[in-house]
Amino acid sequence: MMLKKNDAISFRSKRNKKLIHTTKIASFYLILLIVILMIVLPFAWMLSTSFKGVEAIRTIPIRWIPENPTFDNYKKIFNMSSYNFWRAGFNSFYLAVTCTIVSVLSATMAAFVFSKIEFRGREKLFMVYLATMMIPTTVIMIPNYTILNHLHLLDTFTGLILMSLNNTFGVFLMRQAMMGVSNAYLEAALMDGATLRQIFIKIMLPMTKPTLFTLILMNFMGSWNSYLQPLLVLSSNDKQTLQLVLATLNGQLKGKENITMAGAVISILPIVVVYVIVQKYIDQGLEIGGIKG
């Protein structure tokens, strides 16, 4: 009789544990679904609004699928007389590509030095350099402006490109990846007569490709979406970036959010394209950068 009672208690205990486990899983997926909706719905509304007329954007309840979709908003955004949207898009693309190349190249070279070249005080110097990540960007805006002013680089693309040289997080990310590359590869290459430049280009970069592509995506997104730095440096209308133009249009086109949303949709297309190209490397790159070293 006692055995049957113990078996019943054990059965109920297992059932309760299974129920608790199922409840936790269901709660996790419910929270995940809510988070996904919070992220996706604004983009869905933006895309839907970009195809609506003025009268349809204030319809309640919201019509997620426009009854009479139109491309007029996209035509208007490209035919505005006050700003050249084509020019702004080119400026943003040029700066994003150039700043990404400069930033990634400087970060990978610095990471190679900090990870594979022995010199006195290397670790202490790296820790001091890493500590600069704790300095808020807003704190150094005025010093950067003053320096660019003295160098006569205000209202120039060169000033913005030079500001992208400092990429502390990129150096940290690439250093972590390069620390995971065995020194045996470098020793074998040196014995075969390879130079440090050849080792960097032909060994280190290919072997840290996942992290490298992750850094490229992060820098491209940061440069493309940058608002404060172009606002600080650029003043001429013909040098305005897409983000500056969209911010200005947001103030000018009050009550015409459909046109602004059309511009916003256009502004995220390059990021989507770049993400699709390098997406397969992202997860692997972040995992390598976060675990090894």
C-alpha atoms as a PDB file:
ATOM      1  CA  MET A   1       0.000   0.000   0.000  1.00  0.00           C
ATOM      2  CA  MET A   2       2.863   2.310   0.887  1.00  0.00           C
ATOM      3  CA  LEU A   3       4.546   1.567  -2.449  1.00  0.00           C
ATOM      4  CA  LYS A   4       1.423   2.548  -4.368  1.00  0.00           C
ATOM      5  CA  LYS A   5       1.178   5.794  -2.425  1.00  0.00           C
ATOM      6  CA  ASN A   6       4.830   6.626  -3.135  1.00  0.00           C
ATOM      7  CA  ASP A   7       4.320   5.806  -6.814  1.00  0.00           C
ATOM      8  CA  ALA A   8       1.344   8.177  -6.963  1.00  0.00           C
ATOM      9  CA  ILE A   9       3.337  10.964  -5.312  1.00  0.00           C
ATOM     10  CA  SER A  10       6.231  10.382  -7.713  1.00  0.00           C
ATOM     11  CA  PHE A  11       3.870  10.455 -10.690  1.00  0.00           C
ATOM     12  CA  ARG A  12       2.270  13.735  -9.548  1.00  0.00           C
ATOM     13  CA  SER A  13       5.717  15.251  -8.947  1.00  0.00           C
ATOM     14  CA  LYS A  14       6.880  14.332 -12.457  1.00  0.00           C
ATOM     15  CA  ARG A  15       3.635  15.654 -13.936  1.00  0.00           C
ATOM     16  CA  ASN A  16       4.016  18.956 -12.060  1.00  0.00           C
ATOM     17  CA  LYS A  17       7.618  19.332 -13.212  1.00  0.00           C
ATOM     18  CA  LYS A  18       6.601  18.658 -16.803  1.00  0.00           C
ATOM     19  CA  LEU A  19       3.768  21.180 -16.515  1.00  0.00           C
ATOM     20  CA  ILE A  20       6.116  23.810 -15.085  1.00  0.00           C
ATOM     21  CA  HIS A  21       8.629  23.124 -17.867  1.00  0.00           C
ATOM     22  CA  THR A  22       5.910  23.433 -20.532  1.00  0.00           C
ATOM     23  CA  THR A  23       4.655  26.664 -18.953  1.00  0.00           C
ATOM     24  CA  LYS A  24       8.164  28.160 -18.995  1.00  0.00           C
ATOM     25  CA  ILE A  25       8.620  27.281 -22.660  1.00  0.00           C
ATOM     26  CA  ALA A  26       5.206  28.728 -23.555  1.00  0.00           C
ATOM     27  CA  SER A  27       5.967  31.910 -21.584  1.00  0.00           C
ATOM     28  CA  PHE A  28       9.324  32.267 -23.326  1.00  0.00           C
ATOM     29  CA  TYR A  29       7.801  31.970 -26.794  1.00  0.00           C
ATOM     30  CA  LEU A  30       4.994  34.347 -25.850  1.00  0.00           C
ATOM     31  CA  ILE A  31       7.489  36.994 -24.696  1.00  0.00           C
ATOM     32  CA  LEU A  32       9.554  36.376 -27.832  1.00  0.00           C
ATOM     33  CA  LEU A  33       6.457  36.842 -30.000  1.00  0.00           C
ATOM     34  CA  ILE A  34       5.622  40.124 -28.263  1.00  0.00           C
ATOM     35  CA  VAL A  35       9.169  41.407 -28.780  1.00  0.00           C
ATOM     36  CA  ILE A  36       9.092  40.419 -32.465  1.00  0.00           C
ATOM     37  CA  LEU A  37       5.775  42.213 -32.952  1.00  0.00           C
ATOM     38  CA  MET A  38       7.136  45.331 -31.245  1.00  0.00           C
ATOM     39  CA  ILE A  39      10.053  45.308 -33.695  1.00  0.00           C
ATOM     40  CA  VAL A  40       8.213  44.331 -36.870  1.00  0.00           C
ATOM     41  CA  LEU A  41       5.022  46.403 -36.541  1.00  0.00           C
ATOM     42  CA  PRO A  42       6.719  49.831 -36.870  1.00  0.00           C
ATOM     43  CA  PHE A  43       8.443  48.676 -40.057  1.00  0.00           C
ATOM     44  CA  ALA A  44       5.186  47.239 -41.381  1.00  0.00           C
ATOM     45  CA  TRP A  45       3.409  50.522 -40.649  1.00  0.00           C
ATOM     46  CA  MET A  46       6.221  52.487 -42.333  1.00  0.00           C
ATOM     47  CA  LEU A  47       6.058  50.347 -45.467  1.00  0.00           C
ATOM     48  CA  SER A  48       2.261  50.474 -45.570  1.00  0.00           C
ATOM     49  CA  THR A  49       2.148  54.249 -45.059  1.00  0.00           C
ATOM     50  CA  SER A  50       4.640  54.851 -47.867  1.00  0.00           C
ATOM     51  CA  PHE A  51       2.038  53.554 -50.358  1.00  0.00           C
ATOM     52  CA  LYS A  52      -0.924  55.528 -48.958  1.00  0.00           C
ATOM     53  CA  GLY A  53      -2.414  58.888 -49.840  1.00  0.00           C
ATOM     54  CA  VAL A  54      -2.689  61.731 -47.310  1.00  0.00           C
ATOM     55  CA  GLU A  55      -6.298  60.940 -46.454  1.00  0.00           C
ATOM     56  CA  ALA A  56      -5.574  57.250 -45.791  1.00  0.00           C
ATOM     57  CA  ILE A  57      -2.756  57.683 -43.259  1.00  0.00           C
ATOM     58  CA  ARG A  58      -5.129  58.929 -40.533  1.00  0.00           C
ATOM     59  CA  THR A  59      -7.803  56.318 -41.037  1.00  0.00           C
ATOM     60  CA  ILE A  60      -8.877  54.559 -37.835  1.00  0.00           C
ATOM     61  CA  PRO A  61      -8.586  51.628 -37.460  1.00  0.00           C
ATOM     62  CA  ILE A  62      -5.256  51.409 -39.251  1.00  0.00           C
ATOM     63  CA  ARG A  63      -5.398  49.808 -42.677  1.00  0.00           C
ATOM     64  CA  TRP A  64      -2.252  47.756 -42.890  1.00  0.00           C
ATOM     65  CA  ILE A  65      -2.893  46.948 -46.540  1.00  0.00           C
ATOM     66  CA  PRO A  66      -3.637  50.136 -48.550  1.00  0.00           C
ATOM     67  CA  GLU A  67      -6.874  49.997 -50.512  1.00  0.00           C
ATOM     68  CA  ASN A  68      -5.464  52.160 -53.305  1.00  0.00           C
ATOM     69  CA  PRO A  69      -1.657  51.782 -53.196  1.00  0.00           C
ATOM     70  CA  THR A  70       0.283  54.480 -55.019  1.00  0.00           C
ATOM     71  CA  PHE A  71       3.904  55.233 -55.891  1.00  0.00           C
ATOM     72  CA  ASP A  72       3.314  59.001 -55.872  1.00  0.00           C
ATOM     73  CA  ASN A  73       5.096  59.387 -52.518  1.00  0.00           C
ATOM     74  CA  TYR A  74       8.280  57.919 -53.962  1.00  0.00           C
ATOM     75  CA  LYS A  75       8.026  60.167 -57.019  1.00  0.00           C
ATOM     76  CA  LYS A  76       7.560  63.243 -54.826  1.00  0.00           C
ATOM     77  CA  ILE A  77      10.520  62.422 -52.619  1.00  0.00           C
ATOM     78  CA  PHE A  78      12.815  62.259 -55.652  1.00  0.00           C
ATOM     79  CA  ASN A  79      11.364  65.375 -57.311  1.00  0.00           C
ATOM     80  CA  MET A  80      11.579  67.792 -54.378  1.00  0.00           C
ATOM     81  CA  SER A  81      12.935  71.216 -55.255  1.00  0.00           C
ATOM     82  CA  SER A  82      14.345  72.077 -51.820  1.00  0.00           C
ATOM     83  CA  TYR A  83      16.606  68.996 -51.589  1.00  0.00           C
ATOM     84  CA  ASN A  84      18.246  66.676 -54.084  1.00  0.00           C
ATOM     85  CA  PHE A  85      17.345  63.241 -52.757  1.00  0.00           C
ATOM     86  CA  TRP A  86      19.516  61.520 -55.340  1.00  0.00           C
ATOM     87  CA  ARG A  87      22.520  63.581 -54.282  1.00  0.00           C
ATOM     88  CA  ALA A  88      21.866  62.947 -50.591  1.00  0.00           C
ATOM     89  CA  GLY A  89      21.641  59.212 -51.249  1.00  0.00           C
ATOM     90  CA  PHE A  90      24.923  59.253 -53.155  1.00  0.00           C
ATOM     91  CA  ASN A  91      26.602  61.224 -50.362  1.00  0.00           C
ATOM     92  CA  SER A  92      25.414  58.720 -47.756  1.00  0.00           C
ATOM     93  CA  PHE A  93      26.525  55.744 -49.842  1.00  0.00           C
ATOM     94  CA  TYR A  94      29.930  57.283 -50.577  1.00  0.00           C
ATOM     95  CA  LEU A  95      30.540  58.129 -46.925  1.00  0.00           C
ATOM     96  CA  ALA A  96      29.259  54.761 -45.698  1.00  0.00           C
ATOM     97  CA  VAL A  97      31.536  52.806 -48.055  1.00  0.00           C
ATOM     98  CA  THR A  98      34.587  55.030 -47.524  1.00  0.00           C
ATOM     99  CA  CYS A  99      34.231  55.256 -43.735  1.00  0.00           C
ATOM    100  CA  THR A 100      33.682  51.489 -43.544  1.00  0.00           C
ATOM    101  CA  ILE A 101      36.842  50.772 -45.529  1.00  0.00           C
ATOM    102  CA  VAL A 102      38.926  53.210 -43.465  1.00  0.00           C
ATOM    103  CA  SER A 103      37.487  52.078 -40.141  1.00  0.00           C
ATOM    104  CA  VAL A 104      37.726  48.329 -40.811  1.00  0.00           C
ATOM    105  CA  LEU A 105      41.226  48.597 -42.273  1.00  0.00           C
ATOM    106  CA  SER A 106      42.567  50.606 -39.332  1.00  0.00           C
ATOM    107  CA  ALA A 107      40.841  48.325 -36.802  1.00  0.00           C
ATOM    108  CA  THR A 108      42.143  45.095 -38.357  1.00  0.00           C
ATOM    109  CA  MET A 109      45.720  46.406 -38.590  1.00  0.00           C
ATOM    110  CA  ALA A 110      45.664  47.577 -34.978  1.00  0.00           C
ATOM    111  CA  ALA A 111      44.145  44.263 -33.885  1.00  0.00           C
ATOM    112  CA  PHE A 112      46.926  42.385 -35.680  1.00  0.00           C
ATOM    113  CA  VAL A 113      49.555  44.370 -33.807  1.00  0.00           C
ATOM    114  CA  PHE A 114      47.865  43.948 -30.417  1.00  0.00           C
ATOM    115  CA  SER A 115      47.304  40.207 -30.897  1.00  0.00           C
ATOM    116  CA  LYS A 116      50.344  38.834 -32.728  1.00  0.00           C
ATOM    117  CA  ILE A 117      53.264  41.265 -32.433  1.00  0.00           C
ATOM    118  CA  GLU A 118      55.097  41.218 -29.116  1.00  0.00           C
ATOM    119  CA  PHE A 119      56.370  44.526 -27.754  1.00  0.00           C
ATOM    120  CA  ARG A 120      56.920  45.969 -24.321  1.00  0.00           C
ATOM    121  CA  GLY A 121      53.773  47.240 -22.592  1.00  0.00           C
ATOM    122  CA  ARG A 122      51.442  45.784 -25.235  1.00  0.00           C
ATOM    123  CA  GLU A 123      48.752  44.610 -22.823  1.00  0.00           C
ATOM    124  CA  LYS A 124      48.797  47.806 -20.751  1.00  0.00           C
ATOM    125  CA  LEU A 125      48.587  49.956 -23.874  1.00  0.00           C
ATOM    126  CA  PHE A 126      45.665  47.897 -25.149  1.00  0.00           C
ATOM    127  CA  MET A 127      43.808  48.246 -21.840  1.00  0.00           C
ATOM    128  CA  VAL A 128      44.295  52.031 -21.939  1.00  0.00           C
ATOM    129  CA  TYR A 129      43.042  52.102 -25.517  1.00  0.00           C
ATOM    130  CA  LEU A 130      40.106  49.875 -24.594  1.00  0.00           C
ATOM    131  CA  ALA A 131      39.185  52.234 -21.747  1.00  0.00           C
ATOM    132  CA  THR A 132      38.306  54.921 -24.312  1.00  0.00           C
ATOM    133  CA  MET A 133      35.119  52.943 -25.045  1.00  0.00           C
ATOM    134  CA  MET A 134      33.745  54.273 -21.762  1.00  0.00           C
ATOM    135  CA  ILE A 135      33.934  57.878 -22.994  1.00  0.00           C
ATOM    136  CA  PRO A 136      30.503  58.980 -24.348  1.00  0.00           C
ATOM    137  CA  THR A 137      30.494  60.175 -27.943  1.00  0.00           C
ATOM    138  CA  THR A 138      28.760  63.415 -26.974  1.00  0.00           C
ATOM    139  CA  VAL A 139      31.696  64.339 -24.717  1.00  0.00           C
ATOM    140  CA  ILE A 140      34.173  64.427 -27.595  1.00  0.00           C
ATOM    141  CA  MET A 141      31.916  66.179 -30.106  1.00  0.00           C
ATOM    142  CA  ILE A 142      33.118  69.687 -29.250  1.00  0.00           C
ATOM    143  CA  PRO A 143      36.841  68.714 -29.245  1.00  0.00           C
ATOM    144  CA  ASN A 144      36.352  66.991 -32.607  1.00  0.00           C
ATOM    145  CA  TYR A 145      34.633  70.093 -33.977  1.00  0.00           C
ATOM    146  CA  THR A 146      37.473  72.314 -32.725  1.00  0.00           C
ATOM    147  CA  ILE A 147      40.159  70.079 -34.238  1.00  0.00           C
ATOM    148  CA  LEU A 148      38.392  69.903 -37.606  1.00  0.00           C
ATOM    149  CA  ASN A 149      37.930  73.665 -37.552  1.00  0.00           C
ATOM    150  CA  HIS A 150      41.666  74.242 -36.986  1.00  0.00           C
ATOM    151  CA  LEU A 151      42.464  71.793 -39.789  1.00  0.00           C
ATOM    152  CA  HIS A 152      39.964  73.559 -42.100  1.00  0.00           C
ATOM    153  CA  LEU A 153      38.083  70.290 -42.595  1.00  0.00           C
ATOM    154  CA  LEU A 154      34.611  71.446 -41.602  1.00  0.00           C
ATOM    155  CA  ASP A 155      31.966  70.951 -44.288  1.00  0.00           C
ATOM    156  CA  THR A 156      34.149  68.345 -46.002  1.00  0.00           C
ATOM    157  CA  PHE A 157      33.800  64.606 -46.435  1.00  0.00           C
ATOM    158  CA  THR A 158      37.465  64.237 -45.438  1.00  0.00           C
ATOM    159  CA  GLY A 159      36.649  65.430 -41.925  1.00  0.00           C
ATOM    160  CA  LEU A 160      33.992  62.748 -41.494  1.00  0.00           C
ATOM    161  CA  ILE A 161      36.241  60.048 -42.936  1.00  0.00           C
ATOM    162  CA  LEU A 162      39.078  60.951 -40.546  1.00  0.00           C
ATOM    163  CA  MET A 163      36.686  60.689 -37.595  1.00  0.00           C
ATOM    164  CA  SER A 164      36.028  57.045 -38.534  1.00  0.00           C
ATOM    165  CA  LEU A 165      39.651  56.100 -37.888  1.00  0.00           C
ATOM    166  CA  ASN A 166      38.881  55.602 -34.200  1.00  0.00           C
ATOM    167  CA  ASN A 167      37.110  52.256 -33.890  1.00  0.00           C
ATOM    168  CA  THR A 168      37.914  50.863 -30.452  1.00  0.00           C
ATOM    169  CA  PHE A 169      35.211  48.209 -30.485  1.00  0.00           C
ATOM    170  CA  GLY A 170      36.335  47.053 -33.924  1.00  0.00           C
ATOM    171  CA  VAL A 171      39.906  46.641 -32.661  1.00  0.00           C
ATOM    172  CA  PHE A 172      38.640  44.663 -29.672  1.00  0.00           C
ATOM    173  CA  LEU A 173      36.415  42.435 -31.820  1.00  0.00           C
ATOM    174  CA  MET A 174      39.129  41.647 -34.377  1.00  0.00           C
ATOM    175  CA  ARG A 175      41.782  41.152 -31.692  1.00  0.00           C
ATOM    176  CA  GLN A 176      39.613  38.534 -30.005  1.00  0.00           C
ATOM    177  CA  ALA A 177      39.248  36.716 -33.319  1.00  0.00           C
ATOM    178  CA  MET A 178      42.964  36.929 -34.168  1.00  0.00           C
ATOM    179  CA  MET A 179      43.949  35.668 -30.730  1.00  0.00           C
ATOM    180  CA  GLY A 180      42.182  32.432 -31.660  1.00  0.00           C
ATOM    181  CA  VAL A 181      44.477  31.885 -34.665  1.00  0.00           C
ATOM    182  CA  SER A 182      47.356  29.602 -33.771  1.00  0.00           C
ATOM    183  CA  ASN A 183      50.820  31.173 -33.825  1.00  0.00           C
ATOM    184  CA  ALA A 184      52.042  28.087 -35.678  1.00  0.00           C
ATOM    185  CA  TYR A 185      50.622  29.512 -38.908  1.00  0.00           C
ATOM    186  CA  LEU A 186      52.608  32.715 -38.438  1.00  0.00           C
ATOM    187  CA  GLU A 187      55.832  30.879 -37.531  1.00  0.00           C
ATOM    188  CA  ALA A 188      55.532  28.637 -40.594  1.00  0.00           C
ATOM    189  CA  ALA A 189      54.900  31.655 -42.834  1.00  0.00           C
ATOM    190  CA  LEU A 190      57.887  33.533 -41.384  1.00  0.00           C
ATOM    191  CA  MET A 191      60.119  30.507 -41.965  1.00  0.00           C
ATOM    192  CA  ASP A 192      58.977  30.498 -45.602  1.00  0.00           C
ATOM    193  CA  GLY A 193      60.042  34.139 -45.920  1.00  0.00           C
ATOM    194  CA  ALA A 194      56.650  35.822 -45.732  1.00  0.00           C
ATOM    195  CA  THR A 195      56.505  39.449 -44.603  1.00  0.00           C
ATOM    196  CA  LEU A 196      54.155  40.760 -41.903  1.00  0.00           C
ATOM    197  CA  ARG A 197      52.033  42.371 -44.601  1.00  0.00           C
ATOM    198  CA  GLN A 198      51.676  39.050 -46.428  1.00  0.00           C
ATOM    199  CA  ILE A 199      50.824  37.264 -43.171  1.00  0.00           C
ATOM    200  CA  PHE A 200      48.190  39.893 -42.380  1.00  0.00           C
ATOM    201  CA  ILE A 201      46.554  39.779 -45.820  1.00  0.00           C
ATOM    202  CA  LYS A 202      46.890  36.089 -46.742  1.00  0.00           C
ATOM    203  CA  ILE A 203      46.580  34.398 -43.343  1.00  0.00           C
ATOM    204  CA  MET A 204      44.967  36.560 -40.671  1.00  0.00           C
ATOM    205  CA  LEU A 205      42.179  38.145 -42.703  1.00  0.00           C
ATOM    206  CA  PRO A 206      40.991  34.906 -44.390  1.00  0.00           C
ATOM    207  CA  MET A 207      41.079  33.010 -41.079  1.00  0.00           C
ATOM    208  CA  THR A 208      39.027  35.676 -39.309  1.00  0.00           C
ATOM    209  CA  LYS A 209      36.606  36.191 -42.203  1.00  0.00           C
ATOM    210  CA  PRO A 210      33.378  35.688 -40.159  1.00  0.00           C
ATOM    211  CA  THR A 211      34.335  38.373 -37.642  1.00  0.00           C
ATOM    212  CA  LEU A 212      35.619  40.604 -40.425  1.00  0.00           C
ATOM    213  CA  PHE A 213      32.286  40.484 -42.270  1.00  0.00           C
ATOM    214  CA  THR A 214      30.448  41.150 -39.027  1.00  0.00           C
ATOM    215  CA  LEU A 215      32.592  44.235 -38.451  1.00  0.00           C
ATOM    216  CA  ILE A 216      31.998  45.407 -42.016  1.00  0.00           C
ATOM    217  CA  LEU A 217      28.232  45.183 -41.554  1.00  0.00           C
ATOM    218  CA  MET A 218      28.314  46.967 -38.194  1.00  0.00           C
ATOM    219  CA  ASN A 219      30.456  49.797 -39.555  1.00  0.00           C
ATOM    220  CA  PHE A 220      28.392  50.185 -42.711  1.00  0.00           C
ATOM    221  CA  MET A 221      25.187  50.386 -40.677  1.00  0.00           C
ATOM    222  CA  GLY A 222      26.734  52.866 -38.264  1.00  0.00           C
ATOM    223  CA  SER A 223      28.061  55.100 -41.053  1.00  0.00           C
ATOM    224  CA  TRP A 224      24.869  54.918 -43.113  1.00  0.00           C
ATOM    225  CA  ASN A 225      22.617  55.739 -40.143  1.00  0.00           C
ATOM    226  CA  SER A 226      24.939  58.358 -38.672  1.00  0.00           C
ATOM    227  CA  TYR A 227      23.188  61.625 -37.900  1.00  0.00           C
ATOM    228  CA  LEU A 228      25.112  63.568 -35.235  1.00  0.00           C
ATOM    229  CA  GLN A 229      28.513  63.553 -36.921  1.00  0.00           C
ATOM    230  CA  PRO A 230      27.280  64.726 -40.357  1.00  0.00           C
ATOM    231  CA  LEU A 231      25.136  67.311 -38.569  1.00  0.00           C
ATOM    232  CA  LEU A 232      28.242  68.530 -36.740  1.00  0.00           C
ATOM    233  CA  VAL A 233      30.562  68.637 -39.751  1.00  0.00           C
ATOM    234  CA  LEU A 234      28.462  69.254 -42.876  1.00  0.00           C
ATOM    235  CA  SER A 235      26.550  72.445 -43.629  1.00  0.00           C
ATOM    236  CA  SER A 236      26.267  72.756 -47.439  1.00  0.00           C
ATOM    237  CA  ASN A 237      23.048  71.481 -49.018  1.00  0.00           C
ATOM    238  CA  ASP A 238      24.930  69.601 -51.743  1.00  0.00           C
ATOM    239  CA  LYS A 239      26.856  67.654 -49.076  1.00  0.00           C
ATOM    240  CA  GLN A 240      23.918  66.674 -46.887  1.00  0.00           C
ATOM    241  CA  THR A 241      23.468  62.983 -46.185  1.00  0.00           C
ATOM    242  CA  LEU A 242      20.226  61.067 -46.468  1.00  0.00           C
ATOM    243  CA  GLN A 243      19.650  61.077 -42.703  1.00  0.00           C
ATOM    244  CA  LEU A 244      20.021  64.871 -42.485  1.00  0.00           C
ATOM    245  CA  VAL A 245      17.623  65.381 -45.379  1.00  0.00           C
ATOM    246  CA  LEU A 246      15.041  63.014 -43.847  1.00  0.00           C
ATOM    247  CA  ALA A 247      15.277  64.823 -40.497  1.00  0.00           C
ATOM    248  CA  THR A 248      14.695  68.158 -42.230  1.00  0.00           C
ATOM    249  CA  LEU A 249      11.800  66.802 -44.291  1.00  0.00           C
ATOM    250  CA  ASN A 250      10.222  65.398 -41.135  1.00  0.00           C
ATOM    251  CA  GLY A 251       9.903  68.962 -39.889  1.00  0.00           C
ATOM    252  CA  GLN A 252       8.806  70.443 -43.189  1.00  0.00           C
ATOM    253  CA  LEU A 253       6.242  67.803 -44.135  1.00  0.00           C
ATOM    254  CA  LYS A 254       4.046  67.891 -41.056  1.00  0.00           C
ATOM    255  CA  GLY A 255       0.827  66.068 -41.849  1.00  0.00           C
ATOM    256  CA  LYS A 256       2.408  64.326 -44.845  1.00  0.00           C
ATOM    257  CA  GLU A 257       4.008  61.378 -43.106  1.00  0.00           C
ATOM    258  CA  ASN A 258       3.383  59.221 -46.160  1.00  0.00           C
ATOM    259  CA  ILE A 259       6.110  61.073 -48.083  1.00  0.00           C
ATOM    260  CA  THR A 260       8.510  60.905 -45.137  1.00  0.00           C
ATOM    261  CA  MET A 261       7.876  57.179 -44.789  1.00  0.00           C
ATOM    262  CA  ALA A 262       8.680  56.684 -48.473  1.00  0.00           C
ATOM    263  CA  GLY A 263      12.056  58.310 -47.847  1.00  0.00           C
ATOM    264  CA  ALA A 264      12.586  56.147 -44.761  1.00  0.00           C
ATOM    265  CA  VAL A 265      11.872  52.971 -46.744  1.00  0.00           C
ATOM    266  CA  ILE A 266      14.441  54.002 -49.351  1.00  0.00           C
ATOM    267  CA  SER A 267      16.980  54.753 -46.629  1.00  0.00           C
ATOM    268  CA  ILE A 268      16.904  51.224 -45.188  1.00  0.00           C
ATOM    269  CA  LEU A 269      17.226  49.389 -48.516  1.00  0.00           C
ATOM    270  CA  PRO A 270      21.068  49.521 -48.698  1.00  0.00           C
ATOM    271  CA  ILE A 271      21.322  48.109 -45.165  1.00  0.00           C
ATOM    272  CA  VAL A 272      18.982  45.251 -46.076  1.00  0.00           C
ATOM    273  CA  VAL A 273      21.035  44.464 -49.188  1.00  0.00           C
ATOM    274  CA  VAL A 274      24.341  44.467 -47.283  1.00  0.00           C
ATOM    275  CA  TYR A 275      22.820  42.353 -44.507  1.00  0.00           C
ATOM    276  CA  VAL A 276      21.556  39.749 -46.974  1.00  0.00           C
ATOM    277  CA  ILE A 277      25.042  39.504 -48.503  1.00  0.00           C
ATOM    278  CA  VAL A 278      26.935  38.988 -45.216  1.00  0.00           C
ATOM    279  CA  GLN A 279      24.175  37.462 -43.064  1.00  0.00           C
ATOM    280  CA  LYS A 280      25.618  33.948 -43.095  1.00  0.00           C
ATOM    281  CA  TYR A 281      28.803  35.194 -41.426  1.00  0.00           C
ATOM    282  CA  ILE A 282      27.196  37.291 -38.679  1.00  0.00           C
ATOM    283  CA  ASP A 283      26.249  34.710 -36.040  1.00  0.00           C
ATOM    284  CA  GLN A 284      29.476  32.798 -36.447  1.00  0.00           C
ATOM    285  CA  GLY A 285      31.521  35.986 -36.332  1.00  0.00           C
ATOM    286  CA  LEU A 286      29.955  37.276 -33.123  1.00  0.00           C
ATOM    287  CA  GLU A 287      30.351  33.856 -31.501  1.00  0.00           C
ATOM    288  CA  ILE A 288      34.047  33.697 -32.348  1.00  0.00           C
ATOM    289  CA  GLY A 289      34.640  37.270 -31.202  1.00  0.00           C
ATOM    290  CA  GLY A 290      32.886  36.715 -27.900  1.00  0.00           C
ATOM    291  CA  ILE A 291      34.347  33.351 -26.896  1.00  0.00           C
ATOM    292  CA  LYS A 292      37.913  33.141 -28.049  1.00  0.00           C
ATOM    293  CA  GLY A 293      40.854  35.120 -26.677  1.00  0.00           C
END
